[in-house]
Amino acid sequence: MMRRFTLVIPLSAALLALAACGEKPQEMNAAGVKQDSAPYHGVGASQYANTGWKAGDRTSWEQQLKTRAQYGQNDYTRMGGTQP
C-alpha cells in the first residue's frame, strides 16, 4: 500500500508537468482581427464626453488630455500646494 502511494505521487507530478507543456500558441490571425480606430475619434455622441472636446478632432483631444493631466489628476494644483 505504501509503495503504491509513493509511486502515485511522482506519476501525478509528472503528468501535471507534461500537461503544462501542451498549451497552444496564441497568435493573431489577420482574418479575424478588428483594427481599432484612433483614440481621438471617440465612440460617438455621449453624455459623458467633455463639452470642449469634438469627436474626430485630434488637437481638441490632445488639449483635453493636457488639461485633464494638469488640473484633474495633479494633486499639487488641485489642493493648492506647490510641487517639491
PDB file of N, CA and C in Angstrom:
ATOM      1  N   MET A   1       0.815  -1.193   0.000  1.00  0.00           N
ATOM      2  CA  MET A   1       0.000   0.000   0.000  1.00  0.00           C
ATOM      3  C   MET A   1       0.864   1.265   0.000  1.00  0.00           C
ATOM      4  N   MET A   2       1.876   1.313   0.827  1.00  0.00           N
ATOM      5  CA  MET A   2       2.754   2.475   0.902  1.00  0.00           C
ATOM      6  C   MET A   2       3.564   2.624  -0.382  1.00  0.00           C
ATOM      7  N   ARG A   3       3.930   1.502  -0.972  1.00  0.00           N
ATOM      8  CA  ARG A   3       4.692   1.547  -2.211  1.00  0.00           C
ATOM      9  C   ARG A   3       3.834   2.130  -3.326  1.00  0.00           C
ATOM     10  N   ARG A   4       2.574   1.769  -3.349  1.00  0.00           N
ATOM     11  CA  ARG A   4       1.659   2.307  -4.370  1.00  0.00           C
ATOM     12  C   ARG A   4       1.507   3.823  -4.197  1.00  0.00           C
ATOM     13  N   PHE A   5       1.394   4.284  -2.963  1.00  0.00           N
ATOM     14  CA  PHE A   5       1.255   5.714  -2.673  1.00  0.00           C
ATOM     15  C   PHE A   5       2.489   6.488  -3.117  1.00  0.00           C
ATOM     16  N   THR A   6       3.683   5.945  -2.861  1.00  0.00           N
ATOM     17  CA  THR A   6       4.912   6.623  -3.256  1.00  0.00           C
ATOM     18  C   THR A   6       5.102   6.602  -4.767  1.00  0.00           C
ATOM     19  N   LEU A   7       4.440   5.701  -5.462  1.00  0.00           N
ATOM     20  CA  LEU A   7       4.524   5.659  -6.911  1.00  0.00           C
ATOM     21  C   LEU A   7       3.513   6.604  -7.562  1.00  0.00           C
ATOM     22  N   VAL A   8       2.362   6.804  -6.935  1.00  0.00           N
ATOM     23  CA  VAL A   8       1.298   7.645  -7.488  1.00  0.00           C
ATOM     24  C   VAL A   8       1.681   9.123  -7.453  1.00  0.00           C
ATOM     25  N   ILE A   9       2.327   9.576  -6.401  1.00  0.00           N
ATOM     26  CA  ILE A   9       2.668  10.990  -6.273  1.00  0.00           C
ATOM     27  C   ILE A   9       3.646  11.442  -7.357  1.00  0.00           C
ATOM     28  N   PRO A  10       4.772  10.763  -7.605  1.00  0.00           N
ATOM     29  CA  PRO A  10       5.658  11.213  -8.687  1.00  0.00           C
ATOM     30  C   PRO A  10       5.010  11.120 -10.074  1.00  0.00           C
ATOM     31  N   LEU A  11       4.188  10.106 -10.289  1.00  0.00           N
ATOM     32  CA  LEU A  11       3.498   9.991 -11.578  1.00  0.00           C
ATOM     33  C   LEU A  11       2.499  11.127 -11.775  1.00  0.00           C
ATOM     34  N   SER A  12       1.804  11.511 -10.729  1.00  0.00           N
ATOM     35  CA  SER A  12       0.863  12.636 -10.816  1.00  0.00           C
ATOM     36  C   SER A  12       1.595  13.937 -11.082  1.00  0.00           C
ATOM     37  N   ALA A  13       2.720  14.137 -10.432  1.00  0.00           N
ATOM     38  CA  ALA A  13       3.508  15.346 -10.653  1.00  0.00           C
ATOM     39  C   ALA A  13       4.042  15.388 -12.080  1.00  0.00           C
ATOM     40  N   ALA A  14       4.459  14.249 -12.605  1.00  0.00           N
ATOM     41  CA  ALA A  14       4.961  14.192 -13.981  1.00  0.00           C
ATOM     42  C   ALA A  14       3.845  14.494 -14.979  1.00  0.00           C
ATOM     43  N   LEU A  15       2.665  13.982 -14.728  1.00  0.00           N
ATOM     44  CA  LEU A  15       1.529  14.254 -15.620  1.00  0.00           C
ATOM     45  C   LEU A  15       1.147  15.734 -15.599  1.00  0.00           C
ATOM     46  N   LEU A  16       1.160  16.353 -14.436  1.00  0.00           N
ATOM     47  CA  LEU A  16       0.858  17.773 -14.342  1.00  0.00           C
ATOM     48  C   LEU A  16       1.910  18.612 -15.064  1.00  0.00           C
ATOM     49  N   ALA A  17       3.168  18.222 -14.932  1.00  0.00           N
ATOM     50  CA  ALA A  17       4.236  18.956 -15.599  1.00  0.00           C
ATOM     51  C   ALA A  17       4.113  18.840 -17.111  1.00  0.00           C
ATOM     52  N   LEU A  18       3.764  17.679 -17.598  1.00  0.00           N
ATOM     53  CA  LEU A  18       3.593  17.491 -19.039  1.00  0.00           C
ATOM     54  C   LEU A  18       2.345  18.194 -19.559  1.00  0.00           C
ATOM     55  N   ALA A  19       1.320  18.288 -18.759  1.00  0.00           N
ATOM     56  CA  ALA A  19       0.102  18.982 -19.186  1.00  0.00           C
ATOM     57  C   ALA A  19       0.359  20.470 -19.374  1.00  0.00           C
ATOM     58  N   ALA A  20       1.273  21.024 -18.617  1.00  0.00           N
ATOM     59  CA  ALA A  20       1.598  22.448 -18.752  1.00  0.00           C
ATOM     60  C   ALA A  20       2.313  22.736 -20.065  1.00  0.00           C
ATOM     61  N   CYS A  21       2.945  21.742 -20.648  1.00  0.00           N
ATOM     62  CA  CYS A  21       3.667  21.935 -21.908  1.00  0.00           C
ATOM     63  C   CYS A  21       2.751  21.879 -23.121  1.00  0.00           C
ATOM     64  N   GLY A  22       1.508  21.539 -22.936  1.00  0.00           N
ATOM     65  CA  GLY A  22       0.608  21.347 -24.063  1.00  0.00           C
ATOM     66  C   GLY A  22      -0.169  22.583 -24.480  1.00  0.00           C
ATOM     67  N   GLU A  23       0.203  23.758 -24.016  1.00  0.00           N
ATOM     68  CA  GLU A  23      -0.537  24.968 -24.383  1.00  0.00           C
ATOM     69  C   GLU A  23      -0.288  25.327 -25.846  1.00  0.00           C
ATOM     70  N   LYS A  24      -1.341  25.672 -26.535  1.00  0.00           N
ATOM     71  CA  LYS A  24      -1.230  26.040 -27.936  1.00  0.00           C
ATOM     72  C   LYS A  24      -0.785  27.490 -28.056  1.00  0.00           C
ATOM     73  N   PRO A  25       0.006  27.823 -29.083  1.00  0.00           N
ATOM     74  CA  PRO A  25       0.428  29.221 -29.249  1.00  0.00           C
ATOM     75  C   PRO A  25      -0.759  30.123 -29.586  1.00  0.00           C
ATOM     76  N   GLN A  26      -0.744  31.313 -29.039  1.00  0.00           N
ATOM     77  CA  GLN A  26      -1.822  32.269 -29.266  1.00  0.00           C
ATOM     78  C   GLN A  26      -1.322  33.354 -30.202  1.00  0.00           C
ATOM     79  N   GLU A  27      -1.765  33.293 -31.434  1.00  0.00           N
ATOM     80  CA  GLU A  27      -1.338  34.255 -32.436  1.00  0.00           C
ATOM     81  C   GLU A  27      -2.552  34.985 -32.986  1.00  0.00           C
ATOM     82  N   MET A  28      -2.320  36.199 -33.409  1.00  0.00           N
ATOM     83  CA  MET A  28      -3.404  36.977 -34.000  1.00  0.00           C
ATOM     84  C   MET A  28      -3.484  36.649 -35.485  1.00  0.00           C
ATOM     85  N   ASN A  29      -4.630  36.166 -35.903  1.00  0.00           N
ATOM     86  CA  ASN A  29      -4.837  35.892 -37.317  1.00  0.00           C
ATOM     87  C   ASN A  29      -5.275  37.160 -38.013  1.00  0.00           C
ATOM     88  N   ALA A  30      -4.755  37.383 -39.189  1.00  0.00           N
ATOM     89  CA  ALA A  30      -5.085  38.599 -39.920  1.00  0.00           C
ATOM     90  C   ALA A  30      -6.553  38.629 -40.327  1.00  0.00           C
ATOM     91  N   ALA A  31      -7.170  37.479 -40.502  1.00  0.00           N
ATOM     92  CA  ALA A  31      -8.550  37.438 -40.975  1.00  0.00           C
ATOM     93  C   ALA A  31      -9.548  37.848 -39.886  1.00  0.00           C
ATOM     94  N   GLY A  32      -9.271  37.496 -38.631  1.00  0.00           N
ATOM     95  CA  GLY A  32     -10.247  37.735 -37.584  1.00  0.00           C
ATOM     96  C   GLY A  32      -9.952  38.930 -36.702  1.00  0.00           C
ATOM     97  N   VAL A  33      -8.962  39.736 -37.031  1.00  0.00           N
ATOM     98  CA  VAL A  33      -8.568  40.851 -36.180  1.00  0.00           C
ATOM     99  C   VAL A  33      -9.298  42.116 -36.594  1.00  0.00           C
ATOM    100  N   LYS A  34      -9.903  42.770 -35.627  1.00  0.00           N
ATOM    101  CA  LYS A  34     -10.560  44.047 -35.888  1.00  0.00           C
ATOM    102  C   LYS A  34      -9.590  45.154 -35.492  1.00  0.00           C
ATOM    103  N   GLN A  35      -9.278  46.026 -36.397  1.00  0.00           N
ATOM    104  CA  GLN A  35      -8.360  47.116 -36.107  1.00  0.00           C
ATOM    105  C   GLN A  35      -9.111  48.252 -35.400  1.00  0.00           C
ATOM    106  N   ASP A  36      -8.512  48.752 -34.358  1.00  0.00           N
ATOM    107  CA  ASP A  36      -9.108  49.864 -33.628  1.00  0.00           C
ATOM    108  C   ASP A  36      -8.878  51.165 -34.382  1.00  0.00           C
ATOM    109  N   SER A  37      -9.763  52.096 -34.160  1.00  0.00           N
ATOM    110  CA  SER A  37      -9.584  53.415 -34.749  1.00  0.00           C
ATOM    111  C   SER A  37      -8.754  54.272 -33.796  1.00  0.00           C
ATOM    112  N   ALA A  38      -8.366  55.426 -34.250  1.00  0.00           N
ATOM    113  CA  ALA A  38      -7.568  56.326 -33.415  1.00  0.00           C
ATOM    114  C   ALA A  38      -8.386  56.743 -32.192  1.00  0.00           C
ATOM    115  N   PRO A  39      -7.741  56.935 -31.045  1.00  0.00           N
ATOM    116  CA  PRO A  39      -8.497  57.245 -29.826  1.00  0.00           C
ATOM    117  C   PRO A  39      -9.244  58.563 -29.883  1.00  0.00           C
ATOM    118  N   TYR A  40      -8.787  59.496 -30.686  1.00  0.00           N
ATOM    119  CA  TYR A  40      -9.463  60.788 -30.728  1.00  0.00           C
ATOM    120  C   TYR A  40     -10.741  60.763 -31.556  1.00  0.00           C
ATOM    121  N   HIS A  41     -11.049  59.642 -32.210  1.00  0.00           N
ATOM    122  CA  HIS A  41     -12.309  59.536 -32.940  1.00  0.00           C
ATOM    123  C   HIS A  41     -13.490  59.349 -31.998  1.00  0.00           C
ATOM    124  N   GLY A  42     -13.234  58.779 -30.849  1.00  0.00           N
ATOM    125  CA  GLY A  42     -14.292  58.609 -29.864  1.00  0.00           C
ATOM    126  C   GLY A  42     -15.265  57.521 -30.254  1.00  0.00           C
ATOM    127  N   VAL A  43     -16.373  57.464 -29.535  1.00  0.00           N
ATOM    128  CA  VAL A  43     -17.383  56.444 -29.792  1.00  0.00           C
ATOM    129  C   VAL A  43     -18.699  57.064 -30.236  1.00  0.00           C
ATOM    130  N   GLY A  44     -18.680  58.296 -30.567  1.00  0.00           N
ATOM    131  CA  GLY A  44     -19.913  58.962 -30.980  1.00  0.00           C
ATOM    132  C   GLY A  44     -20.400  59.906 -29.900  1.00  0.00           C
ATOM    133  N   ALA A  45     -21.611  60.392 -30.067  1.00  0.00           N
ATOM    134  CA  ALA A  45     -22.182  61.326 -29.096  1.00  0.00           C
ATOM    135  C   ALA A  45     -22.434  60.591 -27.782  1.00  0.00           C
ATOM    136  N   SER A  46     -21.952  61.162 -26.710  1.00  0.00           N
ATOM    137  CA  SER A  46     -22.113  60.550 -25.405  1.00  0.00           C
ATOM    138  C   SER A  46     -22.333  61.636 -24.367  1.00  0.00           C
ATOM    139  N   GLN A  47     -23.145  61.321 -23.381  1.00  0.00           N
ATOM    140  CA  GLN A  47     -23.387  62.279 -22.308  1.00  0.00           C
ATOM    141  C   GLN A  47     -22.164  62.412 -21.410  1.00  0.00           C
ATOM    142  N   TYR A  48     -21.217  61.482 -21.536  1.00  0.00           N
ATOM    143  CA  TYR A  48     -20.031  61.516 -20.693  1.00  0.00           C
ATOM    144  C   TYR A  48     -18.863  62.244 -21.346  1.00  0.00           C
ATOM    145  N   ALA A  49     -19.009  62.641 -22.592  1.00  0.00           N
ATOM    146  CA  ALA A  49     -17.931  63.354 -23.291  1.00  0.00           C
ATOM    147  C   ALA A  49     -17.821  64.776 -22.741  1.00  0.00           C
ATOM    148  N   ASN A  50     -16.612  65.257 -22.660  1.00  0.00           N
ATOM    149  CA  ASN A  50     -16.370  66.606 -22.168  1.00  0.00           C
ATOM    150  C   ASN A  50     -16.896  67.622 -23.185  1.00  0.00           C
ATOM    151  N   THR A  51     -17.377  68.755 -22.725  1.00  0.00           N
ATOM    152  CA  THR A  51     -18.017  69.720 -23.618  1.00  0.00           C
ATOM    153  C   THR A  51     -17.033  70.381 -24.571  1.00  0.00           C
ATOM    154  N   GLY A  52     -15.761  70.516 -24.215  1.00  0.00           N
ATOM    155  CA  GLY A  52     -14.799  71.167 -25.083  1.00  0.00           C
ATOM    156  C   GLY A  52     -14.193  70.255 -26.128  1.00  0.00           C
ATOM    157  N   TRP A  53     -14.532  68.982 -26.074  1.00  0.00           N
ATOM    158  CA  TRP A  53     -13.934  68.023 -26.990  1.00  0.00           C
ATOM    159  C   TRP A  53     -14.881  67.713 -28.140  1.00  0.00           C
ATOM    160  N   LYS A  54     -14.326  67.704 -29.346  1.00  0.00           N
ATOM    161  CA  LYS A  54     -15.112  67.370 -30.533  1.00  0.00           C
ATOM    162  C   LYS A  54     -14.599  66.046 -31.069  1.00  0.00           C
ATOM    163  N   ALA A  55     -15.492  65.088 -31.280  1.00  0.00           N
ATOM    164  CA  ALA A  55     -15.098  63.762 -31.771  1.00  0.00           C
ATOM    165  C   ALA A  55     -14.453  63.890 -33.139  1.00  0.00           C
ATOM    166  N   GLY A  56     -13.293  63.261 -33.296  1.00  0.00           N
ATOM    167  CA  GLY A  56     -12.573  63.280 -34.560  1.00  0.00           C
ATOM    168  C   GLY A  56     -11.561  64.395 -34.681  1.00  0.00           C
ATOM    169  N   ASP A  57     -11.550  65.347 -33.758  1.00  0.00           N
ATOM    170  CA  ASP A  57     -10.608  66.465 -33.808  1.00  0.00           C
ATOM    171  C   ASP A  57      -9.418  66.150 -32.902  1.00  0.00           C
ATOM    172  N   ARG A  58      -8.296  65.853 -33.505  1.00  0.00           N
ATOM    173  CA  ARG A  58      -7.121  65.428 -32.757  1.00  0.00           C
ATOM    174  C   ARG A  58      -6.579  66.531 -31.847  1.00  0.00           C
ATOM    175  N   THR A  59      -6.563  67.762 -32.307  1.00  0.00           N
ATOM    176  CA  THR A  59      -5.998  68.838 -31.484  1.00  0.00           C
ATOM    177  C   THR A  59      -6.844  69.103 -30.249  1.00  0.00           C
ATOM    178  N   SER A  60      -8.176  69.059 -30.391  1.00  0.00           N
ATOM    179  CA  SER A  60      -9.015  69.269 -29.206  1.00  0.00           C
ATOM    180  C   SER A  60      -8.877  68.096 -28.240  1.00  0.00           C
ATOM    181  N   TRP A  61      -8.675  66.888 -28.764  1.00  0.00           N
ATOM    182  CA  TRP A  61      -8.471  65.714 -27.922  1.00  0.00           C
ATOM    183  C   TRP A  61      -7.172  65.845 -27.128  1.00  0.00           C
ATOM    184  N   GLU A  62      -6.089  66.270 -27.815  1.00  0.00           N
ATOM    185  CA  GLU A  62      -4.818  66.454 -27.126  1.00  0.00           C
ATOM    186  C   GLU A  62      -4.900  67.565 -26.082  1.00  0.00           C
ATOM    187  N   GLN A  63      -5.627  68.618 -26.386  1.00  0.00           N
ATOM    188  CA  GLN A  63      -5.793  69.711 -25.431  1.00  0.00           C
ATOM    189  C   GLN A  63      -6.566  69.243 -24.201  1.00  0.00           C
ATOM    190  N   GLN A  64      -7.584  68.429 -24.400  1.00  0.00           N
ATOM    191  CA  GLN A  64      -8.341  67.895 -23.267  1.00  0.00           C
ATOM    192  C   GLN A  64      -7.460  67.001 -22.396  1.00  0.00           C
ATOM    193  N   LEU A  65      -6.578  66.212 -23.019  1.00  0.00           N
ATOM    194  CA  LEU A  65      -5.669  65.372 -22.233  1.00  0.00           C
ATOM    195  C   LEU A  65      -4.708  66.217 -21.409  1.00  0.00           C
ATOM    196  N   LYS A  66      -4.194  67.286 -22.002  1.00  0.00           N
ATOM    197  CA  LYS A  66      -3.280  68.167 -21.263  1.00  0.00           C
ATOM    198  C   LYS A  66      -3.988  68.835 -20.093  1.00  0.00           C
ATOM    199  N   THR A  67      -5.201  69.312 -20.345  1.00  0.00           N
ATOM    200  CA  THR A  67      -5.974  69.971 -19.291  1.00  0.00           C
ATOM    201  C   THR A  67      -6.289  68.991 -18.168  1.00  0.00           C
ATOM    202  N   ARG A  68      -6.681  67.780 -18.534  1.00  0.00           N
ATOM    203  CA  ARG A  68      -7.018  66.772 -17.532  1.00  0.00           C
ATOM    204  C   ARG A  68      -5.789  66.405 -16.697  1.00  0.00           C
ATOM    205  N   ALA A  69      -4.647  66.272 -17.340  1.00  0.00           N
ATOM    206  CA  ALA A  69      -3.432  65.933 -16.610  1.00  0.00           C
ATOM    207  C   ALA A  69      -3.007  67.068 -15.688  1.00  0.00           C
ATOM    208  N   GLN A  70      -3.212  68.303 -16.110  1.00  0.00           N
ATOM    209  CA  GLN A  70      -2.773  69.440 -15.314  1.00  0.00           C
ATOM    210  C   GLN A  70      -3.689  69.717 -14.136  1.00  0.00           C
ATOM    211  N   TYR A  71      -4.979  69.692 -14.357  1.00  0.00           N
ATOM    212  CA  TYR A  71      -5.917  70.103 -13.305  1.00  0.00           C
ATOM    213  C   TYR A  71      -6.647  68.945 -12.634  1.00  0.00           C
ATOM    214  N   GLY A  72      -6.998  67.941 -13.402  1.00  0.00           N
ATOM    215  CA  GLY A  72      -7.794  66.871 -12.820  1.00  0.00           C
ATOM    216  C   GLY A  72      -7.000  65.811 -12.104  1.00  0.00           C
ATOM    217  N   GLN A  73      -5.783  65.525 -12.553  1.00  0.00           N
ATOM    218  CA  GLN A  73      -5.031  64.433 -11.961  1.00  0.00           C
ATOM    219  C   GLN A  73      -3.770  64.890 -11.248  1.00  0.00           C
ATOM    220  N   ASN A  74      -3.542  66.150 -11.148  1.00  0.00           N
ATOM    221  CA  ASN A  74      -2.358  66.670 -10.467  1.00  0.00           C
ATOM    222  C   ASN A  74      -2.785  67.148  -9.082  1.00  0.00           C
ATOM    223  N   ASP A  75      -2.398  66.399  -8.064  1.00  0.00           N
ATOM    224  CA  ASP A  75      -2.820  66.728  -6.699  1.00  0.00           C
ATOM    225  C   ASP A  75      -2.244  68.048  -6.205  1.00  0.00           C
ATOM    226  N   TYR A  76      -1.092  68.435  -6.721  1.00  0.00           N
ATOM    227  CA  TYR A  76      -0.491  69.686  -6.263  1.00  0.00           C
ATOM    228  C   TYR A  76      -1.334  70.886  -6.690  1.00  0.00           C
ATOM    229  N   THR A  77      -1.833  70.872  -7.915  1.00  0.00           N
ATOM    230  CA  THR A  77      -2.654  72.007  -8.347  1.00  0.00           C
ATOM    231  C   THR A  77      -4.069  71.903  -7.803  1.00  0.00           C
ATOM    232  N   ARG A  78      -4.563  70.696  -7.597  1.00  0.00           N
ATOM    233  CA  ARG A  78      -5.918  70.544  -7.050  1.00  0.00           C
ATOM    234  C   ARG A  78      -6.010  71.000  -5.606  1.00  0.00           C
ATOM    235  N   MET A  79      -4.975  70.725  -4.837  1.00  0.00           N
ATOM    236  CA  MET A  79      -5.013  71.047  -3.415  1.00  0.00           C
ATOM    237  C   MET A  79      -4.418  72.416  -3.115  1.00  0.00           C
ATOM    238  N   GLY A  80      -3.909  73.090  -4.099  1.00  0.00           N
ATOM    239  CA  GLY A  80      -3.383  74.427  -3.882  1.00  0.00           C
ATOM    240  C   GLY A  80      -1.967  74.466  -3.365  1.00  0.00           C
ATOM    241  N   GLY A  81      -1.291  73.317  -3.353  1.00  0.00           N
ATOM    242  CA  GLY A  81       0.074  73.263  -2.852  1.00  0.00           C
ATOM    243  C   GLY A  81       1.073  73.522  -3.958  1.00  0.00           C
ATOM    244  N   THR A  82       2.335  73.506  -3.577  1.00  0.00           N
ATOM    245  CA  THR A  82       3.407  73.675  -4.554  1.00  0.00           C
ATOM    246  C   THR A  82       4.143  72.362  -4.711  1.00  0.00           C
ATOM    247  N   GLN A  83       4.682  72.159  -5.859  1.00  0.00           N
ATOM    248  CA  GLN A  83       5.429  70.932  -6.094  1.00  0.00           C
ATOM    249  C   GLN A  83       6.764  71.003  -5.385  1.00  0.00           C
ATOM    250  N   PRO A  84       7.243  69.845  -4.892  1.00  0.00           N
ATOM    251  CA  PRO A  84       8.527  69.841  -4.171  1.00  0.00           C
ATOM    252  C   PRO A  84       9.688  70.053  -5.124  1.00  0.00           C
TER     253      PRO A  84
END
